[in-house]
Protein backbone atom coordinates (compact mmCIF):
# COMPACT_ATOMS: atom_id res chain seq x y z
CA UNK A 1 0.00 0.00 0.00
CA UNK A 2 1.39 3.36 -1.10
CA UNK A 3 1.33 6.43 1.16
CA UNK A 4 2.18 10.08 0.54
CA UNK A 5 3.78 11.67 3.62
CA UNK A 6 3.67 15.48 3.57
CA UNK A 7 5.89 16.87 6.33
CA UNK A 8 8.47 19.67 6.36
CA UNK A 9 10.12 18.74 9.67
CA UNK A 10 12.99 16.47 8.66
CA UNK A 11 13.26 14.54 11.94
CA UNK A 12 9.54 13.74 12.10
CA UNK A 13 9.52 12.86 8.41
CA UNK A 14 12.34 10.37 8.84
CA UNK A 15 10.75 8.78 11.91
CA UNK A 16 7.34 8.36 10.30
CA UNK A 17 8.80 7.11 7.02
CA UNK A 18 10.84 4.52 8.88
CA UNK A 19 7.76 3.40 10.82
CA UNK A 20 5.60 3.02 7.72
CA UNK A 21 8.24 1.20 5.70
CA UNK A 22 8.86 -1.19 8.60
CA UNK A 23 5.20 -2.20 8.27
CA UNK A 24 5.58 -2.89 4.56
CA UNK A 25 4.25 0.40 3.17
CA UNK A 26 5.60 2.21 0.13
CA UNK A 27 6.24 5.86 1.06
CA UNK A 28 6.67 8.99 -1.04
CA UNK A 29 7.69 12.18 0.77
CA UNK A 30 6.84 15.82 0.03
CA UNK A 31 8.38 18.64 2.06
CA UNK A 32 6.33 21.60 0.81
CA UNK A 33 2.77 22.36 -0.25
CA UNK A 34 3.39 22.69 -3.97
CA UNK A 35 5.08 19.32 -4.26
CA UNK A 36 2.39 17.76 -2.07
CA UNK A 37 -0.41 19.14 -4.22
CA UNK A 38 1.24 17.88 -7.42
CA UNK A 39 1.88 14.37 -6.13
CA UNK A 40 -1.53 14.02 -4.49
CA UNK A 41 -3.22 15.18 -7.69
CA UNK A 42 -1.32 12.97 -10.11
CA UNK A 43 -0.30 9.79 -8.25
CA UNK A 44 -2.59 6.93 -7.08
CA UNK A 45 -2.03 6.83 -3.32
CA UNK A 46 -3.85 4.60 -0.87
CA UNK A 47 -3.72 7.33 1.77
CA UNK A 48 -2.05 10.66 2.52
CA UNK A 49 -0.56 11.93 5.79
CA UNK A 50 -0.72 15.73 5.62
CA UNK A 51 0.86 18.43 7.75
CA UNK A 52 -0.93 21.80 7.70
CA UNK A 53 1.84 24.35 8.29
CA UNK A 54 3.83 23.83 5.11
CA UNK A 55 6.13 26.06 3.04
CA UNK A 56 4.66 27.44 -0.22
CA UNK A 57 1.09 26.22 0.37
CA UNK A 58 -1.04 25.57 3.44
CA UNK A 59 -2.30 22.04 4.00
CA UNK A 60 -5.96 22.99 4.35
CA UNK A 61 -6.00 24.78 1.00
CA UNK A 62 -4.36 21.79 -0.66
CA UNK A 63 -6.92 19.44 0.84
CA UNK A 64 -9.83 21.62 -0.26
CA UNK A 65 -8.48 21.69 -3.82
CA UNK A 66 -8.00 17.91 -3.88
CA UNK A 67 -11.57 17.32 -2.77
CA UNK A 68 -12.94 19.90 -5.23
CA UNK A 69 -11.07 18.09 -8.01
CA UNK A 70 -12.46 14.69 -7.04
CA UNK A 71 -9.37 13.27 -5.30
CA UNK A 72 -10.94 10.92 -2.74
CA UNK A 73 -7.75 9.48 -1.24
CA UNK A 74 -8.12 9.14 2.56
CA UNK A 75 -6.23 11.92 4.37
CA UNK A 76 -4.88 11.88 7.91
CA UNK A 77 -3.89 15.35 9.13
CA UNK A 78 -0.80 15.31 11.35
CA UNK A 79 -0.11 18.79 12.69
CA UNK A 80 0.96 20.97 15.62
CA UNK A 81 -2.30 22.94 15.32
CA UNK A 82 -4.28 21.59 18.26
CA UNK A 83 -7.13 24.09 18.62
CA UNK A 84 -10.67 22.76 18.24
CA UNK A 85 -11.31 25.22 15.40
CA UNK A 86 -8.26 23.87 13.54
CA UNK A 87 -9.62 20.33 13.88
CA UNK A 88 -13.02 21.45 12.62
CA UNK A 89 -11.44 23.26 9.65
CA UNK A 90 -9.35 20.24 8.75
CA UNK A 91 -12.20 17.76 8.98
CA UNK A 92 -14.59 20.08 7.13
CA UNK A 93 -11.99 20.49 4.37
CA UNK A 94 -12.20 16.75 3.75
CA UNK A 95 -9.80 15.03 6.16
CA UNK A 96 -10.71 11.55 7.39
CA UNK A 97 -8.75 11.75 10.64
CA UNK A 98 -6.78 14.32 12.66
CA UNK A 99 -3.79 13.89 14.97
CA UNK A 100 -1.83 16.58 16.80
CA UNK A 101 1.88 16.77 17.57
CA UNK A 102 3.47 15.51 19.71
CA UNK A 103 2.07 12.06 19.07
CA UNK A 104 2.87 8.43 19.84
CA UNK A 105 4.19 6.39 16.93
CA UNK A 106 2.17 3.24 17.81
CA UNK A 107 -1.05 5.30 17.72
CA UNK A 108 -0.15 6.78 14.34
CA UNK A 109 0.61 3.30 12.98
CA UNK A 110 -2.73 2.01 14.29
CA UNK A 111 -4.64 4.88 12.68
CA UNK A 112 -2.89 4.29 9.36
CA UNK A 113 -3.78 0.59 9.47
CA UNK A 114 -7.40 1.37 10.31
CA UNK A 115 -7.70 3.89 7.47
CA UNK A 116 -6.20 1.46 4.95
CA UNK A 117 -8.63 -1.25 6.05
CA UNK A 118 -11.59 1.11 5.74
CA UNK A 119 -10.37 2.20 2.32
CA UNK A 120 -10.69 -1.35 1.02
CA UNK A 121 -13.59 -2.54 3.17
CA UNK A 122 -11.52 -4.88 5.36
CA UNK A 123 -12.51 -5.55 8.96
CA UNK A 124 -9.93 -8.08 10.12
CA UNK A 125 -6.23 -7.07 10.11
CA UNK A 126 -5.23 -10.71 9.60
CA UNK A 127 -6.11 -12.21 6.23
CA UNK A 128 -6.46 -15.99 6.16
CA UNK A 129 -6.92 -18.23 3.13
CA UNK A 130 -6.04 -21.90 2.85
CA UNK A 131 -2.75 -22.27 4.75
CA UNK A 132 -1.84 -18.58 4.56
CA UNK A 133 -2.16 -16.09 7.40
CA UNK A 134 -1.01 -12.58 6.47
CA UNK A 135 -0.89 -9.84 9.10
CA UNK A 136 -1.57 -6.55 7.31
CA UNK A 137 -0.35 -4.64 10.38
CA UNK A 138 3.27 -5.63 9.92
CA UNK A 139 3.52 -7.49 6.61
CA UNK A 140 4.33 -10.84 8.24
CA UNK A 141 3.10 -14.08 6.72
CA UNK A 142 2.88 -17.67 7.86
CA UNK A 143 2.11 -20.69 5.72
CA UNK A 144 0.87 -23.76 7.53
CA UNK A 145 1.82 -22.05 10.77
CA UNK A 146 5.44 -21.57 9.69
CA UNK A 147 6.81 -18.01 9.26
CA UNK A 148 7.68 -17.15 5.66
CA UNK A 149 10.51 -14.79 4.76
CA UNK A 150 9.24 -12.25 2.21
CA UNK A 151 11.16 -9.47 0.50
CA UNK A 152 9.85 -5.90 0.72
CA UNK A 153 8.61 -6.12 -2.89
CA UNK A 154 6.81 -9.38 -2.20
CA UNK A 155 5.17 -7.88 0.88
CA UNK A 156 4.06 -4.86 -1.15
CA UNK A 157 2.48 -7.04 -3.86
CA UNK A 158 0.83 -9.40 -1.39
CA UNK A 159 -0.45 -6.55 0.78
CA UNK A 160 -2.10 -4.78 -2.14
CA UNK A 161 -3.72 -7.97 -3.42
CA UNK A 162 -4.92 -8.90 0.07
CA UNK A 163 -6.36 -5.46 0.78
CA UNK A 164 -8.17 -5.67 -2.55
CA UNK A 165 -9.08 -9.35 -2.39
CA UNK A 166 -11.93 -10.35 -4.67
CA UNK A 167 -11.05 -7.62 -7.18
CA UNK A 168 -9.05 -8.05 -10.38
CA UNK A 169 -5.84 -5.99 -10.29
CA UNK A 170 -3.94 -5.19 -13.47
CA UNK A 171 -0.15 -5.23 -13.63
CA UNK A 172 -0.20 -1.49 -14.22
CA UNK A 173 -2.26 -0.85 -11.08
CA UNK A 174 0.00 -3.09 -9.03
CA UNK A 175 3.12 -1.31 -10.27
CA UNK A 176 1.58 2.06 -9.36
CA UNK A 177 1.06 0.93 -5.77
CA UNK A 178 4.28 -0.98 -4.98
CA UNK A 179 6.90 1.48 -6.24
CA UNK A 180 7.82 4.92 -4.96
CA UNK A 181 7.47 7.96 -7.21
CA UNK A 182 11.08 7.90 -8.37
CA UNK A 183 11.24 4.10 -8.55
CA UNK A 184 11.68 2.05 -11.72
CA UNK A 185 8.09 0.99 -12.40
CA UNK A 186 8.58 -2.04 -14.60
CA UNK A 187 5.25 -3.86 -14.74
CA UNK A 188 7.02 -6.90 -16.19
CA UNK A 189 8.69 -7.56 -12.82
CA UNK A 190 5.24 -8.04 -11.27
CA UNK A 191 5.10 -11.52 -12.82
CA UNK A 192 8.39 -12.34 -11.11
CA UNK A 193 7.11 -11.24 -7.68
CA UNK A 194 3.86 -13.19 -8.15
CA UNK A 195 5.80 -16.32 -9.13
CA UNK A 196 7.92 -16.02 -5.98
CA UNK A 197 4.81 -15.59 -3.80
CA UNK A 198 3.21 -18.67 -5.33
CA UNK A 199 6.35 -20.68 -4.63
CA UNK A 200 6.37 -19.59 -0.99
CA UNK A 201 2.63 -19.45 -0.25
CA UNK A 202 1.03 -22.00 -2.53
CA UNK A 203 0.36 -22.05 -6.24
CA UNK A 204 -3.40 -21.56 -5.88
CA UNK A 205 -3.31 -18.38 -3.77
CA UNK A 206 -3.01 -15.80 -6.56
CA UNK A 207 -5.09 -16.30 -9.68
CA UNK A 208 -3.94 -15.06 -13.08
CA UNK A 209 -6.59 -13.74 -15.44
CA UNK A 210 -4.71 -13.94 -18.72
CA UNK A 211 -4.14 -10.57 -20.31
CA UNK A 212 -5.94 -8.74 -17.50
CA UNK A 213 -4.09 -9.19 -14.21
CA UNK A 214 -4.19 -10.94 -10.85
CA UNK A 215 -6.52 -11.47 -7.94
CA UNK A 216 -6.87 -13.26 -4.64
CA UNK A 217 -10.32 -14.77 -4.31
CA UNK A 218 -12.15 -13.42 -1.27
CA UNK A 219 -13.83 -16.78 -0.61
C-alpha atoms as a PDB file:
ATOM      1  CA  UNK A   1       0.000   0.000   0.000  1.00  0.00           C
ATOM      2  CA  UNK A   2       1.389   3.359  -1.099  1.00  0.00           C
ATOM      3  CA  UNK A   3       1.332   6.425   1.162  1.00  0.00           C
ATOM      4  CA  UNK A   4       2.179  10.077   0.540  1.00  0.00           C
ATOM      5  CA  UNK A   5       3.778  11.666   3.623  1.00  0.00           C
ATOM      6  CA  UNK A   6       3.672  15.475   3.571  1.00  0.00           C
ATOM      7  CA  UNK A   7       5.893  16.871   6.328  1.00  0.00           C
ATOM      8  CA  UNK A   8       8.467  19.675   6.364  1.00  0.00           C
ATOM      9  CA  UNK A   9      10.119  18.742   9.670  1.00  0.00           C
ATOM     10  CA  UNK A  10      12.988  16.466   8.660  1.00  0.00           C
ATOM     11  CA  UNK A  11      13.265  14.535  11.936  1.00  0.00           C
ATOM     12  CA  UNK A  12       9.542  13.740  12.100  1.00  0.00           C
ATOM     13  CA  UNK A  13       9.522  12.860   8.407  1.00  0.00           C
ATOM     14  CA  UNK A  14      12.343  10.369   8.841  1.00  0.00           C
ATOM     15  CA  UNK A  15      10.755   8.775  11.911  1.00  0.00           C
ATOM     16  CA  UNK A  16       7.335   8.361  10.302  1.00  0.00           C
ATOM     17  CA  UNK A  17       8.798   7.109   7.015  1.00  0.00           C
ATOM     18  CA  UNK A  18      10.837   4.517   8.876  1.00  0.00           C
ATOM     19  CA  UNK A  19       7.761   3.397  10.825  1.00  0.00           C
ATOM     20  CA  UNK A  20       5.603   3.021   7.724  1.00  0.00           C
ATOM     21  CA  UNK A  21       8.236   1.198   5.704  1.00  0.00           C
ATOM     22  CA  UNK A  22       8.861  -1.189   8.597  1.00  0.00           C
ATOM     23  CA  UNK A  23       5.204  -2.205   8.267  1.00  0.00           C
ATOM     24  CA  UNK A  24       5.585  -2.892   4.558  1.00  0.00           C
ATOM     25  CA  UNK A  25       4.252   0.398   3.174  1.00  0.00           C
ATOM     26  CA  UNK A  26       5.598   2.206   0.131  1.00  0.00           C
ATOM     27  CA  UNK A  27       6.242   5.859   1.065  1.00  0.00           C
ATOM     28  CA  UNK A  28       6.667   8.986  -1.036  1.00  0.00           C
ATOM     29  CA  UNK A  29       7.688  12.182   0.769  1.00  0.00           C
ATOM     30  CA  UNK A  30       6.839  15.822   0.032  1.00  0.00           C
ATOM     31  CA  UNK A  31       8.380  18.642   2.062  1.00  0.00           C
ATOM     32  CA  UNK A  32       6.329  21.597   0.807  1.00  0.00           C
ATOM     33  CA  UNK A  33       2.771  22.359  -0.249  1.00  0.00           C
ATOM     34  CA  UNK A  34       3.387  22.687  -3.972  1.00  0.00           C
ATOM     35  CA  UNK A  35       5.085  19.315  -4.255  1.00  0.00           C
ATOM     36  CA  UNK A  36       2.387  17.760  -2.069  1.00  0.00           C
ATOM     37  CA  UNK A  37      -0.414  19.139  -4.218  1.00  0.00           C
ATOM     38  CA  UNK A  38       1.244  17.884  -7.422  1.00  0.00           C
ATOM     39  CA  UNK A  39       1.881  14.365  -6.126  1.00  0.00           C
ATOM     40  CA  UNK A  40      -1.529  14.021  -4.493  1.00  0.00           C
ATOM     41  CA  UNK A  41      -3.220  15.184  -7.691  1.00  0.00           C
ATOM     42  CA  UNK A  42      -1.320  12.967 -10.111  1.00  0.00           C
ATOM     43  CA  UNK A  43      -0.297   9.793  -8.246  1.00  0.00           C
ATOM     44  CA  UNK A  44      -2.592   6.932  -7.083  1.00  0.00           C
ATOM     45  CA  UNK A  45      -2.028   6.826  -3.319  1.00  0.00           C
ATOM     46  CA  UNK A  46      -3.848   4.601  -0.872  1.00  0.00           C
ATOM     47  CA  UNK A  47      -3.718   7.326   1.769  1.00  0.00           C
ATOM     48  CA  UNK A  48      -2.046  10.659   2.518  1.00  0.00           C
ATOM     49  CA  UNK A  49      -0.565  11.934   5.795  1.00  0.00           C
ATOM     50  CA  UNK A  50      -0.719  15.726   5.622  1.00  0.00           C
ATOM     51  CA  UNK A  51       0.860  18.432   7.749  1.00  0.00           C
ATOM     52  CA  UNK A  52      -0.930  21.797   7.700  1.00  0.00           C
ATOM     53  CA  UNK A  53       1.838  24.347   8.292  1.00  0.00           C
ATOM     54  CA  UNK A  54       3.833  23.832   5.110  1.00  0.00           C
ATOM     55  CA  UNK A  55       6.129  26.058   3.043  1.00  0.00           C
ATOM     56  CA  UNK A  56       4.663  27.442  -0.218  1.00  0.00           C
ATOM     57  CA  UNK A  57       1.086  26.217   0.369  1.00  0.00           C
ATOM     58  CA  UNK A  58      -1.038  25.573   3.440  1.00  0.00           C
ATOM     59  CA  UNK A  59      -2.295  22.036   3.995  1.00  0.00           C
ATOM     60  CA  UNK A  60      -5.961  22.993   4.349  1.00  0.00           C
ATOM     61  CA  UNK A  61      -6.004  24.782   0.997  1.00  0.00           C
ATOM     62  CA  UNK A  62      -4.357  21.789  -0.657  1.00  0.00           C
ATOM     63  CA  UNK A  63      -6.920  19.441   0.836  1.00  0.00           C
ATOM     64  CA  UNK A  64      -9.826  21.624  -0.263  1.00  0.00           C
ATOM     65  CA  UNK A  65      -8.479  21.687  -3.820  1.00  0.00           C
ATOM     66  CA  UNK A  66      -8.001  17.908  -3.879  1.00  0.00           C
ATOM     67  CA  UNK A  67     -11.575  17.317  -2.767  1.00  0.00           C
ATOM     68  CA  UNK A  68     -12.936  19.896  -5.226  1.00  0.00           C
ATOM     69  CA  UNK A  69     -11.074  18.085  -8.013  1.00  0.00           C
ATOM     70  CA  UNK A  70     -12.456  14.687  -7.037  1.00  0.00           C
ATOM     71  CA  UNK A  71      -9.371  13.272  -5.301  1.00  0.00           C
ATOM     72  CA  UNK A  72     -10.941  10.916  -2.742  1.00  0.00           C
ATOM     73  CA  UNK A  73      -7.751   9.479  -1.237  1.00  0.00           C
ATOM     74  CA  UNK A  74      -8.119   9.145   2.562  1.00  0.00           C
ATOM     75  CA  UNK A  75      -6.233  11.921   4.370  1.00  0.00           C
ATOM     76  CA  UNK A  76      -4.879  11.883   7.905  1.00  0.00           C
ATOM     77  CA  UNK A  77      -3.895  15.348   9.126  1.00  0.00           C
ATOM     78  CA  UNK A  78      -0.804  15.315  11.349  1.00  0.00           C
ATOM     79  CA  UNK A  79      -0.107  18.793  12.691  1.00  0.00           C
ATOM     80  CA  UNK A  80       0.957  20.968  15.615  1.00  0.00           C
ATOM     81  CA  UNK A  81      -2.301  22.940  15.317  1.00  0.00           C
ATOM     82  CA  UNK A  82      -4.284  21.587  18.259  1.00  0.00           C
ATOM     83  CA  UNK A  83      -7.129  24.093  18.625  1.00  0.00           C
ATOM     84  CA  UNK A  84     -10.667  22.762  18.242  1.00  0.00           C
ATOM     85  CA  UNK A  85     -11.311  25.220  15.404  1.00  0.00           C
ATOM     86  CA  UNK A  86      -8.264  23.867  13.536  1.00  0.00           C
ATOM     87  CA  UNK A  87      -9.617  20.326  13.880  1.00  0.00           C
ATOM     88  CA  UNK A  88     -13.016  21.454  12.617  1.00  0.00           C
ATOM     89  CA  UNK A  89     -11.444  23.264   9.654  1.00  0.00           C
ATOM     90  CA  UNK A  90      -9.352  20.241   8.747  1.00  0.00           C
ATOM     91  CA  UNK A  91     -12.203  17.763   8.981  1.00  0.00           C
ATOM     92  CA  UNK A  92     -14.591  20.082   7.133  1.00  0.00           C
ATOM     93  CA  UNK A  93     -11.992  20.490   4.370  1.00  0.00           C
ATOM     94  CA  UNK A  94     -12.202  16.748   3.751  1.00  0.00           C
ATOM     95  CA  UNK A  95      -9.803  15.035   6.164  1.00  0.00           C
ATOM     96  CA  UNK A  96     -10.709  11.552   7.388  1.00  0.00           C
ATOM     97  CA  UNK A  97      -8.749  11.754  10.638  1.00  0.00           C
ATOM     98  CA  UNK A  98      -6.783  14.324  12.660  1.00  0.00           C
ATOM     99  CA  UNK A  99      -3.787  13.890  14.974  1.00  0.00           C
ATOM    100  CA  UNK A 100      -1.835  16.582  16.797  1.00  0.00           C
ATOM    101  CA  UNK A 101       1.884  16.773  17.567  1.00  0.00           C
ATOM    102  CA  UNK A 102       3.472  15.512  19.709  1.00  0.00           C
ATOM    103  CA  UNK A 103       2.068  12.056  19.074  1.00  0.00           C
ATOM    104  CA  UNK A 104       2.866   8.431  19.841  1.00  0.00           C
ATOM    105  CA  UNK A 105       4.188   6.387  16.933  1.00  0.00           C
ATOM    106  CA  UNK A 106       2.169   3.245  17.806  1.00  0.00           C
ATOM    107  CA  UNK A 107      -1.051   5.301  17.715  1.00  0.00           C
ATOM    108  CA  UNK A 108      -0.154   6.777  14.336  1.00  0.00           C
ATOM    109  CA  UNK A 109       0.609   3.304  12.985  1.00  0.00           C
ATOM    110  CA  UNK A 110      -2.726   2.008  14.289  1.00  0.00           C
ATOM    111  CA  UNK A 111      -4.644   4.876  12.678  1.00  0.00           C
ATOM    112  CA  UNK A 112      -2.891   4.288   9.364  1.00  0.00           C
ATOM    113  CA  UNK A 113      -3.776   0.594   9.471  1.00  0.00           C
ATOM    114  CA  UNK A 114      -7.397   1.375  10.305  1.00  0.00           C
ATOM    115  CA  UNK A 115      -7.696   3.890   7.465  1.00  0.00           C
ATOM    116  CA  UNK A 116      -6.197   1.460   4.953  1.00  0.00           C
ATOM    117  CA  UNK A 117      -8.630  -1.252   6.052  1.00  0.00           C
ATOM    118  CA  UNK A 118     -11.591   1.112   5.738  1.00  0.00           C
ATOM    119  CA  UNK A 119     -10.372   2.196   2.317  1.00  0.00           C
ATOM    120  CA  UNK A 120     -10.691  -1.350   1.025  1.00  0.00           C
ATOM    121  CA  UNK A 121     -13.587  -2.544   3.171  1.00  0.00           C
ATOM    122  CA  UNK A 122     -11.516  -4.884   5.356  1.00  0.00           C
ATOM    123  CA  UNK A 123     -12.510  -5.551   8.962  1.00  0.00           C
ATOM    124  CA  UNK A 124      -9.928  -8.076  10.121  1.00  0.00           C
ATOM    125  CA  UNK A 125      -6.232  -7.069  10.113  1.00  0.00           C
ATOM    126  CA  UNK A 126      -5.232 -10.715   9.600  1.00  0.00           C
ATOM    127  CA  UNK A 127      -6.105 -12.210   6.227  1.00  0.00           C
ATOM    128  CA  UNK A 128      -6.457 -15.993   6.159  1.00  0.00           C
ATOM    129  CA  UNK A 129      -6.916 -18.230   3.131  1.00  0.00           C
ATOM    130  CA  UNK A 130      -6.037 -21.902   2.850  1.00  0.00           C
ATOM    131  CA  UNK A 131      -2.745 -22.274   4.752  1.00  0.00           C
ATOM    132  CA  UNK A 132      -1.839 -18.582   4.558  1.00  0.00           C
ATOM    133  CA  UNK A 133      -2.158 -16.094   7.402  1.00  0.00           C
ATOM    134  CA  UNK A 134      -1.014 -12.582   6.471  1.00  0.00           C
ATOM    135  CA  UNK A 135      -0.886  -9.840   9.096  1.00  0.00           C
ATOM    136  CA  UNK A 136      -1.569  -6.546   7.313  1.00  0.00           C
ATOM    137  CA  UNK A 137      -0.352  -4.636  10.384  1.00  0.00           C
ATOM    138  CA  UNK A 138       3.272  -5.632   9.921  1.00  0.00           C
ATOM    139  CA  UNK A 139       3.521  -7.493   6.608  1.00  0.00           C
ATOM    140  CA  UNK A 140       4.330 -10.843   8.236  1.00  0.00           C
ATOM    141  CA  UNK A 141       3.104 -14.076   6.719  1.00  0.00           C
ATOM    142  CA  UNK A 142       2.876 -17.673   7.865  1.00  0.00           C
ATOM    143  CA  UNK A 143       2.106 -20.689   5.716  1.00  0.00           C
ATOM    144  CA  UNK A 144       0.866 -23.762   7.528  1.00  0.00           C
ATOM    145  CA  UNK A 145       1.824 -22.046  10.774  1.00  0.00           C
ATOM    146  CA  UNK A 146       5.444 -21.573   9.692  1.00  0.00           C
ATOM    147  CA  UNK A 147       6.814 -18.015   9.263  1.00  0.00           C
ATOM    148  CA  UNK A 148       7.681 -17.149   5.661  1.00  0.00           C
ATOM    149  CA  UNK A 149      10.509 -14.793   4.761  1.00  0.00           C
ATOM    150  CA  UNK A 150       9.236 -12.246   2.215  1.00  0.00           C
ATOM    151  CA  UNK A 151      11.159  -9.467   0.500  1.00  0.00           C
ATOM    152  CA  UNK A 152       9.853  -5.900   0.716  1.00  0.00           C
ATOM    153  CA  UNK A 153       8.612  -6.116  -2.892  1.00  0.00           C
ATOM    154  CA  UNK A 154       6.808  -9.381  -2.200  1.00  0.00           C
ATOM    155  CA  UNK A 155       5.171  -7.877   0.883  1.00  0.00           C
ATOM    156  CA  UNK A 156       4.062  -4.863  -1.149  1.00  0.00           C
ATOM    157  CA  UNK A 157       2.481  -7.037  -3.860  1.00  0.00           C
ATOM    158  CA  UNK A 158       0.826  -9.398  -1.390  1.00  0.00           C
ATOM    159  CA  UNK A 159      -0.449  -6.546   0.779  1.00  0.00           C
ATOM    160  CA  UNK A 160      -2.096  -4.781  -2.142  1.00  0.00           C
ATOM    161  CA  UNK A 161      -3.724  -7.968  -3.424  1.00  0.00           C
ATOM    162  CA  UNK A 162      -4.915  -8.903   0.072  1.00  0.00           C
ATOM    163  CA  UNK A 163      -6.360  -5.455   0.778  1.00  0.00           C
ATOM    164  CA  UNK A 164      -8.174  -5.670  -2.554  1.00  0.00           C
ATOM    165  CA  UNK A 165      -9.079  -9.346  -2.394  1.00  0.00           C
ATOM    166  CA  UNK A 166     -11.927 -10.352  -4.668  1.00  0.00           C
ATOM    167  CA  UNK A 167     -11.049  -7.620  -7.184  1.00  0.00           C
ATOM    168  CA  UNK A 168      -9.053  -8.053 -10.384  1.00  0.00           C
ATOM    169  CA  UNK A 169      -5.838  -5.988 -10.288  1.00  0.00           C
ATOM    170  CA  UNK A 170      -3.939  -5.194 -13.470  1.00  0.00           C
ATOM    171  CA  UNK A 171      -0.147  -5.232 -13.631  1.00  0.00           C
ATOM    172  CA  UNK A 172      -0.205  -1.486 -14.220  1.00  0.00           C
ATOM    173  CA  UNK A 173      -2.264  -0.849 -11.082  1.00  0.00           C
ATOM    174  CA  UNK A 174       0.003  -3.086  -9.034  1.00  0.00           C
ATOM    175  CA  UNK A 175       3.124  -1.308 -10.270  1.00  0.00           C
ATOM    176  CA  UNK A 176       1.580   2.063  -9.359  1.00  0.00           C
ATOM    177  CA  UNK A 177       1.063   0.934  -5.765  1.00  0.00           C
ATOM    178  CA  UNK A 178       4.284  -0.984  -4.985  1.00  0.00           C
ATOM    179  CA  UNK A 179       6.903   1.484  -6.236  1.00  0.00           C
ATOM    180  CA  UNK A 180       7.817   4.922  -4.959  1.00  0.00           C
ATOM    181  CA  UNK A 181       7.466   7.964  -7.212  1.00  0.00           C
ATOM    182  CA  UNK A 182      11.078   7.899  -8.374  1.00  0.00           C
ATOM    183  CA  UNK A 183      11.238   4.100  -8.553  1.00  0.00           C
ATOM    184  CA  UNK A 184      11.680   2.050 -11.723  1.00  0.00           C
ATOM    185  CA  UNK A 185       8.093   0.987 -12.401  1.00  0.00           C
ATOM    186  CA  UNK A 186       8.576  -2.043 -14.603  1.00  0.00           C
ATOM    187  CA  UNK A 187       5.251  -3.856 -14.741  1.00  0.00           C
ATOM    188  CA  UNK A 188       7.024  -6.904 -16.193  1.00  0.00           C
ATOM    189  CA  UNK A 189       8.686  -7.562 -12.818  1.00  0.00           C
ATOM    190  CA  UNK A 190       5.243  -8.044 -11.273  1.00  0.00           C
ATOM    191  CA  UNK A 191       5.095 -11.519 -12.815  1.00  0.00           C
ATOM    192  CA  UNK A 192       8.394 -12.344 -11.108  1.00  0.00           C
ATOM    193  CA  UNK A 193       7.108 -11.244  -7.681  1.00  0.00           C
ATOM    194  CA  UNK A 194       3.864 -13.187  -8.153  1.00  0.00           C
ATOM    195  CA  UNK A 195       5.798 -16.322  -9.128  1.00  0.00           C
ATOM    196  CA  UNK A 196       7.916 -16.025  -5.979  1.00  0.00           C
ATOM    197  CA  UNK A 197       4.815 -15.587  -3.799  1.00  0.00           C
ATOM    198  CA  UNK A 198       3.215 -18.674  -5.327  1.00  0.00           C
ATOM    199  CA  UNK A 199       6.349 -20.683  -4.629  1.00  0.00           C
ATOM    200  CA  UNK A 200       6.375 -19.591  -0.988  1.00  0.00           C
ATOM    201  CA  UNK A 201       2.629 -19.449  -0.246  1.00  0.00           C
ATOM    202  CA  UNK A 202       1.030 -22.003  -2.526  1.00  0.00           C
ATOM    203  CA  UNK A 203       0.360 -22.052  -6.245  1.00  0.00           C
ATOM    204  CA  UNK A 204      -3.403 -21.556  -5.884  1.00  0.00           C
ATOM    205  CA  UNK A 205      -3.310 -18.377  -3.768  1.00  0.00           C
ATOM    206  CA  UNK A 206      -3.006 -15.799  -6.557  1.00  0.00           C
ATOM    207  CA  UNK A 207      -5.092 -16.303  -9.682  1.00  0.00           C
ATOM    208  CA  UNK A 208      -3.941 -15.062 -13.078  1.00  0.00           C
ATOM    209  CA  UNK A 209      -6.589 -13.742 -15.438  1.00  0.00           C
ATOM    210  CA  UNK A 210      -4.709 -13.945 -18.719  1.00  0.00           C
ATOM    211  CA  UNK A 211      -4.142 -10.572 -20.306  1.00  0.00           C
ATOM    212  CA  UNK A 212      -5.936  -8.739 -17.498  1.00  0.00           C
ATOM    213  CA  UNK A 213      -4.095  -9.187 -14.211  1.00  0.00           C
ATOM    214  CA  UNK A 214      -4.188 -10.941 -10.848  1.00  0.00           C
ATOM    215  CA  UNK A 215      -6.521 -11.471  -7.945  1.00  0.00           C
ATOM    216  CA  UNK A 216      -6.867 -13.263  -4.637  1.00  0.00           C
ATOM    217  CA  UNK A 217     -10.317 -14.771  -4.312  1.00  0.00           C
ATOM    218  CA  UNK A 218     -12.152 -13.415  -1.273  1.00  0.00           C
ATOM    219  CA  UNK A 219     -13.830 -16.783  -0.609  1.00  0.00           C
END
